[in-house]
């Protein structure tokens, strides 16, 4: 039975991409844990006994730090979700096929951005 998709990466190539993506997920989850632990340990910077003026500045920077850590964590969670979706596309054998042009996404692009769903050509059309 012929496949609906005329162009796709071979099973061997898909297996290689799968290893890359699984490694990236592992690293991304590790990074997310670091971000979360930094967020949790951000409460006391050892300035409790310093002057009230400095403490006010410190609380302001602590708020900024929490906000940036929170934004980092949200971005990291989205990255992990995108990578997991790429694994699903590998299982479906649709990984690496541009969702706009239907052509194969350049393997170099997939190595750099393994969750990419658009070829450079399609990405440029959007701008």
PDB file of N, CA and C in Angstrom:
ATOM      1  N   UNK A   1       0.848  -1.197   0.000  1.00  0.00           N
ATOM      2  CA  UNK A   1       0.000   0.000   0.000  1.00  0.00           C
ATOM      3  C   UNK A   1       0.882   1.244   0.000  1.00  0.00           C
ATOM      4  N   UNK A   2       0.618   2.154  -0.877  1.00  0.00           N
ATOM      5  CA  UNK A   2       1.420   3.372  -0.990  1.00  0.00           C
ATOM      6  C   UNK A   2       1.090   4.331   0.147  1.00  0.00           C
ATOM      7  N   UNK A   3       2.107   5.023   0.592  1.00  0.00           N
ATOM      8  CA  UNK A   3       1.934   6.001   1.662  1.00  0.00           C
ATOM      9  C   UNK A   3       1.288   7.267   1.106  1.00  0.00           C
ATOM     10  N   UNK A   4       0.541   7.961   1.973  1.00  0.00           N
ATOM     11  CA  UNK A   4      -0.067   9.223   1.569  1.00  0.00           C
ATOM     12  C   UNK A   4       0.999  10.296   1.365  1.00  0.00           C
ATOM     13  N   UNK A   5       2.115  10.138   2.067  1.00  0.00           N
ATOM     14  CA  UNK A   5       3.187  11.122   1.968  1.00  0.00           C
ATOM     15  C   UNK A   5       4.221  10.612   0.973  1.00  0.00           C
ATOM     16  N   UNK A   6       4.456  11.381  -0.062  1.00  0.00           N
ATOM     17  CA  UNK A   6       5.429  10.974  -1.078  1.00  0.00           C
ATOM     18  C   UNK A   6       6.859  11.157  -0.593  1.00  0.00           C
ATOM     19  N   UNK A   7       7.051  12.150   0.250  1.00  0.00           N
ATOM     20  CA  UNK A   7       8.396  12.481   0.704  1.00  0.00           C
ATOM     21  C   UNK A   7       8.443  12.364   2.219  1.00  0.00           C
ATOM     22  N   UNK A   8       9.426  11.598   2.699  1.00  0.00           N
ATOM     23  CA  UNK A   8       9.637  11.534   4.139  1.00  0.00           C
ATOM     24  C   UNK A   8      11.038  11.014   4.410  1.00  0.00           C
ATOM     25  N   UNK A   9      11.473  11.191   5.653  1.00  0.00           N
ATOM     26  CA  UNK A   9      12.772  10.647   6.044  1.00  0.00           C
ATOM     27  C   UNK A   9      12.639   9.147   6.235  1.00  0.00           C
ATOM     28  N   UNK A  10      13.729   8.422   5.994  1.00  0.00           N
ATOM     29  CA  UNK A  10      13.726   6.961   6.153  1.00  0.00           C
ATOM     30  C   UNK A  10      13.604   6.600   7.631  1.00  0.00           C
ATOM     31  N   UNK A  11      13.234   5.362   7.901  1.00  0.00           N
ATOM     32  CA  UNK A  11      13.122   4.909   9.288  1.00  0.00           C
ATOM     33  C   UNK A  11      14.458   5.058  10.021  1.00  0.00           C
ATOM     34  N   UNK A  12      15.548   4.800   9.320  1.00  0.00           N
ATOM     35  CA  UNK A  12      16.886   4.924   9.913  1.00  0.00           C
ATOM     36  C   UNK A  12      17.156   6.378  10.297  1.00  0.00           C
ATOM     37  N   UNK A  13      16.831   7.307   9.394  1.00  0.00           N
ATOM     38  CA  UNK A  13      17.022   8.731   9.688  1.00  0.00           C
ATOM     39  C   UNK A  13      16.114   9.174  10.836  1.00  0.00           C
ATOM     40  N   UNK A  14      14.874   8.698  10.829  1.00  0.00           N
ATOM     41  CA  UNK A  14      13.946   9.041  11.908  1.00  0.00           C
ATOM     42  C   UNK A  14      14.473   8.543  13.256  1.00  0.00           C
ATOM     43  N   UNK A  15      15.065   7.349  13.266  1.00  0.00           N
ATOM     44  CA  UNK A  15      15.628   6.793  14.500  1.00  0.00           C
ATOM     45  C   UNK A  15      16.778   7.671  15.004  1.00  0.00           C
ATOM     46  N   UNK A  16      17.571   8.201  14.077  1.00  0.00           N
ATOM     47  CA  UNK A  16      18.676   9.085  14.467  1.00  0.00           C
ATOM     48  C   UNK A  16      18.139  10.399  15.051  1.00  0.00           C
ATOM     49  N   UNK A  17      17.100  10.958  14.426  1.00  0.00           N
ATOM     50  CA  UNK A  17      16.487  12.174  14.952  1.00  0.00           C
ATOM     51  C   UNK A  17      15.869  11.909  16.329  1.00  0.00           C
ATOM     52  N   UNK A  18      15.299  10.720  16.493  1.00  0.00           N
ATOM     53  CA  UNK A  18      14.661  10.372  17.772  1.00  0.00           C
ATOM     54  C   UNK A  18      15.684  10.420  18.911  1.00  0.00           C
ATOM     55  N   UNK A  19      16.881   9.893  18.663  1.00  0.00           N
ATOM     56  CA  UNK A  19      17.938   9.911  19.677  1.00  0.00           C
ATOM     57  C   UNK A  19      18.311  11.355  20.020  1.00  0.00           C
ATOM     58  N   UNK A  20      18.456  12.195  18.998  1.00  0.00           N
ATOM     59  CA  UNK A  20      18.795  13.611  19.206  1.00  0.00           C
ATOM     60  C   UNK A  20      17.725  14.282  20.060  1.00  0.00           C
ATOM     61  N   UNK A  21      16.469  14.041  19.711  1.00  0.00           N
ATOM     62  CA  UNK A  21      15.355  14.682  20.425  1.00  0.00           C
ATOM     63  C   UNK A  21      15.277  14.171  21.866  1.00  0.00           C
ATOM     64  N   UNK A  22      15.442  12.869  22.073  1.00  0.00           N
ATOM     65  CA  UNK A  22      15.393  12.335  23.431  1.00  0.00           C
ATOM     66  C   UNK A  22      16.503  12.937  24.296  1.00  0.00           C
ATOM     67  N   UNK A  23      17.686  13.110  23.717  1.00  0.00           N
ATOM     68  CA  UNK A  23      18.782  13.755  24.451  1.00  0.00           C
ATOM     69  C   UNK A  23      18.437  15.202  24.793  1.00  0.00           C
ATOM     70  N   UNK A  24      17.831  15.899  23.823  1.00  0.00           N
ATOM     71  CA  UNK A  24      17.443  17.301  24.050  1.00  0.00           C
ATOM     72  C   UNK A  24      16.371  17.392  25.139  1.00  0.00           C
ATOM     73  N   UNK A  25      15.429  16.449  25.155  1.00  0.00           N
ATOM     74  CA  UNK A  25      14.386  16.447  26.183  1.00  0.00           C
ATOM     75  C   UNK A  25      15.024  16.250  27.560  1.00  0.00           C
ATOM     76  N   UNK A  26      15.939  15.284  27.648  1.00  0.00           N
ATOM     77  CA  UNK A  26      16.627  15.025  28.914  1.00  0.00           C
ATOM     78  C   UNK A  26      17.343  16.276  29.423  1.00  0.00           C
ATOM     79  N   UNK A  27      18.071  16.930  28.528  1.00  0.00           N
ATOM     80  CA  UNK A  27      18.803  18.148  28.894  1.00  0.00           C
ATOM     81  C   UNK A  27      17.840  19.268  29.278  1.00  0.00           C
ATOM     82  N   UNK A  28      16.757  19.412  28.504  1.00  0.00           N
ATOM     83  CA  UNK A  28      15.776  20.469  28.769  1.00  0.00           C
ATOM     84  C   UNK A  28      15.094  20.251  30.115  1.00  0.00           C
ATOM     85  N   UNK A  29      14.792  18.996  30.456  1.00  0.00           N
ATOM     86  CA  UNK A  29      14.164  18.702  31.748  1.00  0.00           C
ATOM     87  C   UNK A  29      15.137  18.998  32.889  1.00  0.00           C
ATOM     88  N   UNK A  30      16.410  18.680  32.680  1.00  0.00           N
ATOM     89  CA  UNK A  30      17.439  18.991  33.671  1.00  0.00           C
ATOM     90  C   UNK A  30      17.521  20.506  33.877  1.00  0.00           C
ATOM     91  N   UNK A  31      17.538  21.258  32.766  1.00  0.00           N
ATOM     92  CA  UNK A  31      17.594  22.721  32.838  1.00  0.00           C
ATOM     93  C   UNK A  31      16.367  23.282  33.553  1.00  0.00           C
ATOM     94  N   UNK A  32      15.204  22.695  33.285  1.00  0.00           N
ATOM     95  CA  UNK A  32      13.975  23.132  33.933  1.00  0.00           C
ATOM     96  C   UNK A  32      14.060  22.920  35.443  1.00  0.00           C
ATOM     97  N   UNK A  33      14.603  21.796  35.867  1.00  0.00           N
ATOM     98  CA  UNK A  33      14.779  21.541  37.309  1.00  0.00           C
ATOM     99  C   UNK A  33      15.707  22.582  37.931  1.00  0.00           C
ATOM    100  N   UNK A  34      16.772  22.949  37.227  1.00  0.00           N
ATOM    101  CA  UNK A  34      17.688  23.984  37.729  1.00  0.00           C
ATOM    102  C   UNK A  34      16.963  25.325  37.880  1.00  0.00           C
ATOM    103  N   UNK A  35      16.154  25.670  36.886  1.00  0.00           N
ATOM    104  CA  UNK A  35      15.394  26.926  36.934  1.00  0.00           C
ATOM    105  C   UNK A  35      14.445  26.902  38.127  1.00  0.00           C
ATOM    106  N   UNK A  36      13.744  25.778  38.291  1.00  0.00           N
ATOM    107  CA  UNK A  36      12.782  25.665  39.395  1.00  0.00           C
ATOM    108  C   UNK A  36      13.485  25.714  40.752  1.00  0.00           C
ATOM    109  N   UNK A  37      14.641  25.059  40.875  1.00  0.00           N
ATOM    110  CA  UNK A  37      15.339  25.077  42.164  1.00  0.00           C
ATOM    111  C   UNK A  37      15.894  26.470  42.445  1.00  0.00           C
ATOM    112  N   UNK A  38      16.321  27.187  41.413  1.00  0.00           N
ATOM    113  CA  UNK A  38      16.779  28.568  41.599  1.00  0.00           C
ATOM    114  C   UNK A  38      15.619  29.429  42.081  1.00  0.00           C
ATOM    115  N   UNK A  39      14.445  29.183  41.536  1.00  0.00           N
ATOM    116  CA  UNK A  39      13.237  29.918  41.926  1.00  0.00           C
ATOM    117  C   UNK A  39      12.906  29.641  43.393  1.00  0.00           C
ATOM    118  N   UNK A  40      13.002  28.379  43.798  1.00  0.00           N
ATOM    119  CA  UNK A  40      12.673  28.005  45.174  1.00  0.00           C
ATOM    120  C   UNK A  40      13.700  28.547  46.180  1.00  0.00           C
ATOM    121  N   UNK A  41      14.963  28.618  45.776  1.00  0.00           N
ATOM    122  CA  UNK A  41      16.015  29.062  46.695  1.00  0.00           C
ATOM    123  C   UNK A  41      16.243  30.567  46.647  1.00  0.00           C
ATOM    124  N   UNK A  42      15.373  31.262  45.978  1.00  0.00           N
ATOM    125  CA  UNK A  42      15.552  32.701  45.773  1.00  0.00           C
ATOM    126  C   UNK A  42      15.039  33.537  46.943  1.00  0.00           C
ATOM    127  N   UNK A  43      14.504  32.899  47.974  1.00  0.00           N
ATOM    128  CA  UNK A  43      13.815  33.639  49.035  1.00  0.00           C
ATOM    129  C   UNK A  43      14.745  34.431  49.939  1.00  0.00           C
ATOM    130  N   UNK A  44      15.917  33.919  50.245  1.00  0.00           N
ATOM    131  CA  UNK A  44      16.772  34.596  51.202  1.00  0.00           C
ATOM    132  C   UNK A  44      18.177  34.741  50.639  1.00  0.00           C
ATOM    133  N   UNK A  45      18.551  35.980  50.394  1.00  0.00           N
ATOM    134  CA  UNK A  45      19.889  36.244  49.869  1.00  0.00           C
ATOM    135  C   UNK A  45      20.834  36.701  50.965  1.00  0.00           C
ATOM    136  N   UNK A  46      20.477  36.473  52.222  1.00  0.00           N
ATOM    137  CA  UNK A  46      21.342  36.838  53.335  1.00  0.00           C
ATOM    138  C   UNK A  46      21.376  38.328  53.602  1.00  0.00           C
ATOM    139  N   UNK A  47      20.301  39.044  53.276  1.00  0.00           N
ATOM    140  CA  UNK A  47      20.282  40.497  53.481  1.00  0.00           C
ATOM    141  C   UNK A  47      19.286  40.891  54.570  1.00  0.00           C
ATOM    142  N   UNK A  48      18.840  39.937  55.358  1.00  0.00           N
ATOM    143  CA  UNK A  48      17.826  40.222  56.379  1.00  0.00           C
ATOM    144  C   UNK A  48      18.284  41.262  57.394  1.00  0.00           C
ATOM    145  N   UNK A  49      19.575  41.292  57.716  1.00  0.00           N
ATOM    146  CA  UNK A  49      20.040  42.195  58.764  1.00  0.00           C
ATOM    147  C   UNK A  49      20.673  43.475  58.221  1.00  0.00           C
ATOM    148  N   UNK A  50      20.508  43.749  56.943  1.00  0.00           N
ATOM    149  CA  UNK A  50      21.091  44.962  56.364  1.00  0.00           C
ATOM    150  C   UNK A  50      20.092  46.103  56.432  1.00  0.00           C
ATOM    151  N   UNK A  51      20.530  47.255  55.997  1.00  0.00           N
ATOM    152  CA  UNK A  51      19.689  48.447  56.119  1.00  0.00           C
ATOM    153  C   UNK A  51      18.373  48.303  55.360  1.00  0.00           C
ATOM    154  N   UNK A  52      17.313  48.953  55.847  1.00  0.00           N
ATOM    155  CA  UNK A  52      15.993  48.877  55.185  1.00  0.00           C
ATOM    156  C   UNK A  52      16.033  49.335  53.731  1.00  0.00           C
ATOM    157  N   UNK A  53      16.853  50.335  53.411  1.00  0.00           N
ATOM    158  CA  UNK A  53      16.929  50.828  52.040  1.00  0.00           C
ATOM    159  C   UNK A  53      17.441  49.727  51.114  1.00  0.00           C
ATOM    160  N   UNK A  54      18.534  49.089  51.527  1.00  0.00           N
ATOM    161  CA  UNK A  54      19.082  48.020  50.697  1.00  0.00           C
ATOM    162  C   UNK A  54      18.090  46.877  50.585  1.00  0.00           C
ATOM    163  N   UNK A  55      17.390  46.576  51.677  1.00  0.00           N
ATOM    164  CA  UNK A  55      16.413  45.484  51.679  1.00  0.00           C
ATOM    165  C   UNK A  55      15.305  45.768  50.656  1.00  0.00           C
ATOM    166  N   UNK A  56      14.892  47.021  50.551  1.00  0.00           N
ATOM    167  CA  UNK A  56      13.842  47.378  49.581  1.00  0.00           C
ATOM    168  C   UNK A  56      14.337  47.132  48.160  1.00  0.00           C
ATOM    169  N   UNK A  57      15.577  47.525  47.873  1.00  0.00           N
ATOM    170  CA  UNK A  57      16.150  47.252  46.559  1.00  0.00           C
ATOM    171  C   UNK A  57      16.226  45.751  46.312  1.00  0.00           C
ATOM    172  N   UNK A  58      16.628  45.035  47.345  1.00  0.00           N
ATOM    173  CA  UNK A  58      16.791  43.591  47.225  1.00  0.00           C
ATOM    174  C   UNK A  58      15.458  42.906  46.934  1.00  0.00           C
ATOM    175  N   UNK A  59      14.388  43.358  47.606  1.00  0.00           N
ATOM    176  CA  UNK A  59      13.070  42.764  47.370  1.00  0.00           C
ATOM    177  C   UNK A  59      12.613  43.039  45.942  1.00  0.00           C
ATOM    178  N   UNK A  60      12.940  44.217  45.436  1.00  0.00           N
ATOM    179  CA  UNK A  60      12.603  44.536  44.047  1.00  0.00           C
ATOM    180  C   UNK A  60      13.335  43.627  43.076  1.00  0.00           C
ATOM    181  N   UNK A  61      14.608  43.406  43.331  1.00  0.00           N
ATOM    182  CA  UNK A  61      15.367  42.529  42.434  1.00  0.00           C
ATOM    183  C   UNK A  61      14.923  41.083  42.594  1.00  0.00           C
ATOM    184  N   UNK A  62      14.504  40.710  43.806  1.00  0.00           N
ATOM    185  CA  UNK A  62      14.000  39.348  44.023  1.00  0.00           C
ATOM    186  C   UNK A  62      12.732  39.120  43.207  1.00  0.00           C
ATOM    187  N   UNK A  63      11.852  40.136  43.174  1.00  0.00           N
ATOM    188  CA  UNK A  63      10.630  40.038  42.376  1.00  0.00           C
ATOM    189  C   UNK A  63      10.972  39.899  40.903  1.00  0.00           C
ATOM    190  N   UNK A  64      11.927  40.716  40.428  1.00  0.00           N
ATOM    191  CA  UNK A  64      12.362  40.623  39.032  1.00  0.00           C
ATOM    192  C   UNK A  64      12.934  39.241  38.739  1.00  0.00           C
ATOM    193  N   UNK A  65      13.728  38.743  39.675  1.00  0.00           N
ATOM    194  CA  UNK A  65      14.355  37.440  39.503  1.00  0.00           C
ATOM    195  C   UNK A  65      13.293  36.339  39.421  1.00  0.00           C
ATOM    196  N   UNK A  66      12.291  36.411  40.293  1.00  0.00           N
ATOM    197  CA  UNK A  66      11.212  35.414  40.273  1.00  0.00           C
ATOM    198  C   UNK A  66      10.441  35.476  38.962  1.00  0.00           C
ATOM    199  N   UNK A  67      10.180  36.692  38.497  1.00  0.00           N
ATOM    200  CA  UNK A  67       9.445  36.853  37.229  1.00  0.00           C
ATOM    201  C   UNK A  67      10.247  36.292  36.063  1.00  0.00           C
ATOM    202  N   UNK A  68      11.549  36.587  36.031  1.00  0.00           N
ATOM    203  CA  UNK A  68      12.349  36.080  34.917  1.00  0.00           C
ATOM    204  C   UNK A  68      12.517  34.569  35.016  1.00  0.00           C
ATOM    205  N   UNK A  69      12.660  34.036  36.226  1.00  0.00           N
ATOM    206  CA  UNK A  69      12.736  32.582  36.393  1.00  0.00           C
ATOM    207  C   UNK A  69      11.429  31.920  35.967  1.00  0.00           C
ATOM    208  N   UNK A  70      10.324  32.544  36.310  1.00  0.00           N
ATOM    209  CA  UNK A  70       9.019  32.010  35.933  1.00  0.00           C
ATOM    210  C   UNK A  70       8.863  32.007  34.408  1.00  0.00           C
ATOM    211  N   UNK A  71       9.261  33.099  33.770  1.00  0.00           N
ATOM    212  CA  UNK A  71       9.188  33.187  32.301  1.00  0.00           C
ATOM    213  C   UNK A  71      10.104  32.140  31.660  1.00  0.00           C
ATOM    214  N   UNK A  72      11.292  31.966  32.238  1.00  0.00           N
ATOM    215  CA  UNK A  72      12.223  30.953  31.731  1.00  0.00           C
ATOM    216  C   UNK A  72      11.616  29.556  31.851  1.00  0.00           C
ATOM    217  N   UNK A  73      11.002  29.286  32.994  1.00  0.00           N
ATOM    218  CA  UNK A  73      10.398  27.968  33.228  1.00  0.00           C
ATOM    219  C   UNK A  73       9.270  27.708  32.233  1.00  0.00           C
ATOM    220  N   UNK A  74       8.442  28.706  31.999  1.00  0.00           N
ATOM    221  CA  UNK A  74       7.328  28.558  31.049  1.00  0.00           C
ATOM    222  C   UNK A  74       7.866  28.283  29.637  1.00  0.00           C
ATOM    223  N   UNK A  75       8.907  29.021  29.246  1.00  0.00           N
ATOM    224  CA  UNK A  75       9.502  28.821  27.923  1.00  0.00           C
ATOM    225  C   UNK A  75      10.121  27.425  27.811  1.00  0.00           C
ATOM    226  N   UNK A  76      10.761  26.991  28.891  1.00  0.00           N
ATOM    227  CA  UNK A  76      11.394  25.671  28.899  1.00  0.00           C
ATOM    228  C   UNK A  76      10.339  24.561  28.813  1.00  0.00           C
ATOM    229  N   UNK A  77       9.225  24.734  29.524  1.00  0.00           N
ATOM    230  CA  UNK A  77       8.137  23.743  29.471  1.00  0.00           C
ATOM    231  C   UNK A  77       7.558  23.651  28.065  1.00  0.00           C
ATOM    232  N   UNK A  78       7.424  24.787  27.383  1.00  0.00           N
ATOM    233  CA  UNK A  78       6.917  24.786  26.003  1.00  0.00           C
ATOM    234  C   UNK A  78       7.903  24.070  25.075  1.00  0.00           C
ATOM    235  N   UNK A  79       9.200  24.315  25.281  1.00  0.00           N
ATOM    236  CA  UNK A  79      10.243  23.670  24.483  1.00  0.00           C
ATOM    237  C   UNK A  79      10.156  22.150  24.644  1.00  0.00           C
ATOM    238  N   UNK A  80       9.996  21.685  25.880  1.00  0.00           N
ATOM    239  CA  UNK A  80       9.873  20.241  26.147  1.00  0.00           C
ATOM    240  C   UNK A  80       8.629  19.682  25.465  1.00  0.00           C
ATOM    241  N   UNK A  81       7.521  20.409  25.544  1.00  0.00           N
ATOM    242  CA  UNK A  81       6.265  19.977  24.898  1.00  0.00           C
ATOM    243  C   UNK A  81       6.452  19.881  23.381  1.00  0.00           C
ATOM    244  N   UNK A  82       7.126  20.881  22.794  1.00  0.00           N
ATOM    245  CA  UNK A  82       7.381  20.873  21.348  1.00  0.00           C
ATOM    246  C   UNK A  82       8.253  19.675  20.953  1.00  0.00           C
ATOM    247  N   UNK A  83       9.260  19.376  21.783  1.00  0.00           N
ATOM    248  CA  UNK A  83      10.122  18.226  21.506  1.00  0.00           C
ATOM    249  C   UNK A  83       9.338  16.920  21.599  1.00  0.00           C
ATOM    250  N   UNK A  84       8.460  16.809  22.590  1.00  0.00           N
ATOM    251  CA  UNK A  84       7.644  15.590  22.733  1.00  0.00           C
ATOM    252  C   UNK A  84       6.694  15.436  21.550  1.00  0.00           C
ATOM    253  N   UNK A  85       6.171  16.559  21.054  1.00  0.00           N
ATOM    254  CA  UNK A  85       5.326  16.515  19.858  1.00  0.00           C
ATOM    255  C   UNK A  85       6.125  16.049  18.641  1.00  0.00           C
ATOM    256  N   UNK A  86       7.405  16.426  18.593  1.00  0.00           N
ATOM    257  CA  UNK A  86       8.277  15.966  17.500  1.00  0.00           C
ATOM    258  C   UNK A  86       8.438  14.445  17.564  1.00  0.00           C
ATOM    259  N   UNK A  87       8.536  13.888  18.769  1.00  0.00           N
ATOM    260  CA  UNK A  87       8.614  12.422  18.917  1.00  0.00           C
ATOM    261  C   UNK A  87       7.361  11.750  18.367  1.00  0.00           C
ATOM    262  N   UNK A  88       6.215  12.368  18.594  1.00  0.00           N
ATOM    263  CA  UNK A  88       4.950  11.827  18.070  1.00  0.00           C
ATOM    264  C   UNK A  88       4.991  11.842  16.529  1.00  0.00           C
ATOM    265  N   UNK A  89       5.523  12.932  15.955  1.00  0.00           N
ATOM    266  CA  UNK A  89       5.623  13.009  14.486  1.00  0.00           C
ATOM    267  C   UNK A  89       6.583  11.944  13.959  1.00  0.00           C
ATOM    268  N   UNK A  90       7.607  11.614  14.733  1.00  0.00           N
ATOM    269  CA  UNK A  90       8.519  10.535  14.319  1.00  0.00           C
ATOM    270  C   UNK A  90       7.749   9.219  14.287  1.00  0.00           C
ATOM    271  N   UNK A  91       6.967   8.953  15.329  1.00  0.00           N
ATOM    272  CA  UNK A  91       6.165   7.717  15.379  1.00  0.00           C
ATOM    273  C   UNK A  91       5.183   7.659  14.205  1.00  0.00           C
ATOM    274  N   UNK A  92       4.626   8.810  13.848  1.00  0.00           N
ATOM    275  CA  UNK A  92       3.668   8.888  12.727  1.00  0.00           C
ATOM    276  C   UNK A  92       4.360   8.944  11.367  1.00  0.00           C
ATOM    277  N   UNK A  93       5.689   9.023  11.393  1.00  0.00           N
ATOM    278  CA  UNK A  93       6.514   9.120  10.183  1.00  0.00           C
ATOM    279  C   UNK A  93       6.241  10.395   9.379  1.00  0.00           C
ATOM    280  N   UNK A  94       5.798  11.434  10.085  1.00  0.00           N
ATOM    281  CA  UNK A  94       5.582  12.732   9.438  1.00  0.00           C
ATOM    282  C   UNK A  94       6.644  13.739   9.858  1.00  0.00           C
ATOM    283  N   UNK A  95       7.577  13.308  10.688  1.00  0.00           N
ATOM    284  CA  UNK A  95       8.623  14.205  11.193  1.00  0.00           C
ATOM    285  C   UNK A  95       9.508  14.701  10.047  1.00  0.00           C
ATOM    286  N   UNK A  96       9.829  15.995  10.100  1.00  0.00           N
ATOM    287  CA  UNK A  96      10.750  16.564   9.113  1.00  0.00           C
ATOM    288  C   UNK A  96      10.097  16.985   7.814  1.00  0.00           C
ATOM    289  N   UNK A  97       8.766  16.876   7.760  1.00  0.00           N
ATOM    290  CA  UNK A  97       8.039  17.308   6.563  1.00  0.00           C
ATOM    291  C   UNK A  97       7.411  18.666   6.876  1.00  0.00           C
ATOM    292  N   UNK A  98       7.734  19.661   6.055  1.00  0.00           N
ATOM    293  CA  UNK A  98       7.206  21.014   6.266  1.00  0.00           C
ATOM    294  C   UNK A  98       5.680  20.996   6.172  1.00  0.00           C
ATOM    295  N   UNK A  99       5.033  21.588   7.176  1.00  0.00           N
ATOM    296  CA  UNK A  99       3.568  21.571   7.185  1.00  0.00           C
ATOM    297  C   UNK A  99       2.957  22.549   6.195  1.00  0.00           C
ATOM    298  N   UNK A 100       3.770  23.408   5.581  1.00  0.00           N
ATOM    299  CA  UNK A 100       3.265  24.345   4.573  1.00  0.00           C
ATOM    300  C   UNK A 100       3.576  23.860   3.163  1.00  0.00           C
ATOM    301  N   UNK A 101       4.844  23.553   2.903  1.00  0.00           N
ATOM    302  CA  UNK A 101       5.251  23.190   1.537  1.00  0.00           C
ATOM    303  C   UNK A 101       5.141  21.690   1.262  1.00  0.00           C
ATOM    304  N   UNK A 102       5.140  20.866   2.322  1.00  0.00           N
ATOM    305  CA  UNK A 102       5.111  19.419   2.143  1.00  0.00           C
ATOM    306  C   UNK A 102       6.466  18.839   1.763  1.00  0.00           C
ATOM    307  N   UNK A 103       7.486  19.700   1.696  1.00  0.00           N
ATOM    308  CA  UNK A 103       8.831  19.241   1.358  1.00  0.00           C
ATOM    309  C   UNK A 103       9.580  18.863   2.633  1.00  0.00           C
ATOM    310  N   UNK A 104      10.682  18.132   2.455  1.00  0.00           N
ATOM    311  CA  UNK A 104      11.506  17.789   3.606  1.00  0.00           C
ATOM    312  C   UNK A 104      12.204  19.032   4.143  1.00  0.00           C
ATOM    313  N   UNK A 105      12.212  19.149   5.464  1.00  0.00           N
ATOM    314  CA  UNK A 105      12.960  20.219   6.118  1.00  0.00           C
ATOM    315  C   UNK A 105      14.428  19.803   6.098  1.00  0.00           C
ATOM    316  N   UNK A 106      15.311  20.740   5.801  1.00  0.00           N
ATOM    317  CA  UNK A 106      16.744  20.468   5.738  1.00  0.00           C
ATOM    318  C   UNK A 106      17.222  19.802   7.037  1.00  0.00           C
ATOM    319  N   UNK A 107      17.941  18.672   6.933  1.00  0.00           N
ATOM    320  CA  UNK A 107      18.393  17.968   8.138  1.00  0.00           C
ATOM    321  C   UNK A 107      19.271  18.823   9.055  1.00  0.00           C
ATOM    322  N   UNK A 108      20.027  19.759   8.495  1.00  0.00           N
ATOM    323  CA  UNK A 108      20.847  20.660   9.329  1.00  0.00           C
ATOM    324  C   UNK A 108      19.938  21.530  10.196  1.00  0.00           C
ATOM    325  N   UNK A 109      18.823  21.984   9.630  1.00  0.00           N
ATOM    326  CA  UNK A 109      17.856  22.782  10.401  1.00  0.00           C
ATOM    327  C   UNK A 109      17.273  21.927  11.527  1.00  0.00           C
ATOM    328  N   UNK A 110      16.959  20.673  11.214  1.00  0.00           N
ATOM    329  CA  UNK A 110      16.368  19.791  12.227  1.00  0.00           C
ATOM    330  C   UNK A 110      17.364  19.469  13.346  1.00  0.00           C
ATOM    331  N   UNK A 111      18.649  19.431  13.020  1.00  0.00           N
ATOM    332  CA  UNK A 111      19.645  19.202  14.067  1.00  0.00           C
ATOM    333  C   UNK A 111      19.695  20.394  15.019  1.00  0.00           C
ATOM    334  N   UNK A 112      19.561  21.602  14.465  1.00  0.00           N
ATOM    335  CA  UNK A 112      19.599  22.814  15.280  1.00  0.00           C
ATOM    336  C   UNK A 112      18.266  23.083  15.974  1.00  0.00           C
ATOM    337  N   UNK A 113      17.178  22.840  15.257  1.00  0.00           N
ATOM    338  CA  UNK A 113      15.824  23.081  15.780  1.00  0.00           C
ATOM    339  C   UNK A 113      15.013  21.799  15.570  1.00  0.00           C
ATOM    340  N   UNK A 114      15.236  20.786  16.425  1.00  0.00           N
ATOM    341  CA  UNK A 114      14.633  19.470  16.172  1.00  0.00           C
ATOM    342  C   UNK A 114      13.103  19.439  16.220  1.00  0.00           C
ATOM    343  N   UNK A 115      12.496  20.482  16.773  1.00  0.00           N
ATOM    344  CA  UNK A 115      11.031  20.520  16.827  1.00  0.00           C
ATOM    345  C   UNK A 115      10.426  21.356  15.692  1.00  0.00           C
ATOM    346  N   UNK A 116      11.260  21.754  14.716  1.00  0.00           N
ATOM    347  CA  UNK A 116      10.784  22.585  13.603  1.00  0.00           C
ATOM    348  C   UNK A 116       9.696  21.864  12.802  1.00  0.00           C
ATOM    349  N   UNK A 117       8.682  22.611  12.429  1.00  0.00           N
ATOM    350  CA  UNK A 117       7.622  22.063  11.565  1.00  0.00           C
ATOM    351  C   UNK A 117       7.546  22.817  10.242  1.00  0.00           C
ATOM    352  N   UNK A 118       8.402  23.832  10.100  1.00  0.00           N
ATOM    353  CA  UNK A 118       8.437  24.631   8.870  1.00  0.00           C
ATOM    354  C   UNK A 118       9.832  24.611   8.274  1.00  0.00           C
ATOM    355  N   UNK A 119       9.892  24.534   6.957  1.00  0.00           N
ATOM    356  CA  UNK A 119      11.168  24.675   6.265  1.00  0.00           C
ATOM    357  C   UNK A 119      11.547  26.156   6.319  1.00  0.00           C
ATOM    358  N   UNK A 120      12.801  26.453   6.011  1.00  0.00           N
ATOM    359  CA  UNK A 120      13.242  27.854   5.968  1.00  0.00           C
ATOM    360  C   UNK A 120      12.406  28.619   4.941  1.00  0.00           C
ATOM    361  N   UNK A 121      12.125  27.963   3.817  1.00  0.00           N
ATOM    362  CA  UNK A 121      11.317  28.573   2.751  1.00  0.00           C
ATOM    363  C   UNK A 121       9.949  29.009   3.295  1.00  0.00           C
ATOM    364  N   UNK A 122       9.279  28.112   4.009  1.00  0.00           N
ATOM    365  CA  UNK A 122       7.957  28.427   4.564  1.00  0.00           C
ATOM    366  C   UNK A 122       8.066  29.484   5.670  1.00  0.00           C
ATOM    367  N   UNK A 123       9.106  29.394   6.483  1.00  0.00           N
ATOM    368  CA  UNK A 123       9.317  30.372   7.564  1.00  0.00           C
ATOM    369  C   UNK A 123       9.507  31.772   6.975  1.00  0.00           C
ATOM    370  N   UNK A 124      10.273  31.874   5.899  1.00  0.00           N
ATOM    371  CA  UNK A 124      10.494  33.158   5.246  1.00  0.00           C
ATOM    372  C   UNK A 124       9.211  33.720   4.630  1.00  0.00           C
ATOM    373  N   UNK A 125       8.331  32.835   4.170  1.00  0.00           N
ATOM    374  CA  UNK A 125       7.056  33.292   3.590  1.00  0.00           C
ATOM    375  C   UNK A 125       6.176  33.956   4.645  1.00  0.00           C
ATOM    376  N   UNK A 126       6.352  33.554   5.898  1.00  0.00           N
ATOM    377  CA  UNK A 126       5.529  34.105   6.981  1.00  0.00           C
ATOM    378  C   UNK A 126       5.930  35.526   7.372  1.00  0.00           C
ATOM    379  N   UNK A 127       7.160  35.908   7.073  1.00  0.00           N
ATOM    380  CA  UNK A 127       7.654  37.214   7.527  1.00  0.00           C
ATOM    381  C   UNK A 127       7.259  38.328   6.630  1.00  0.00           C
TER     382      UNK A 127
END
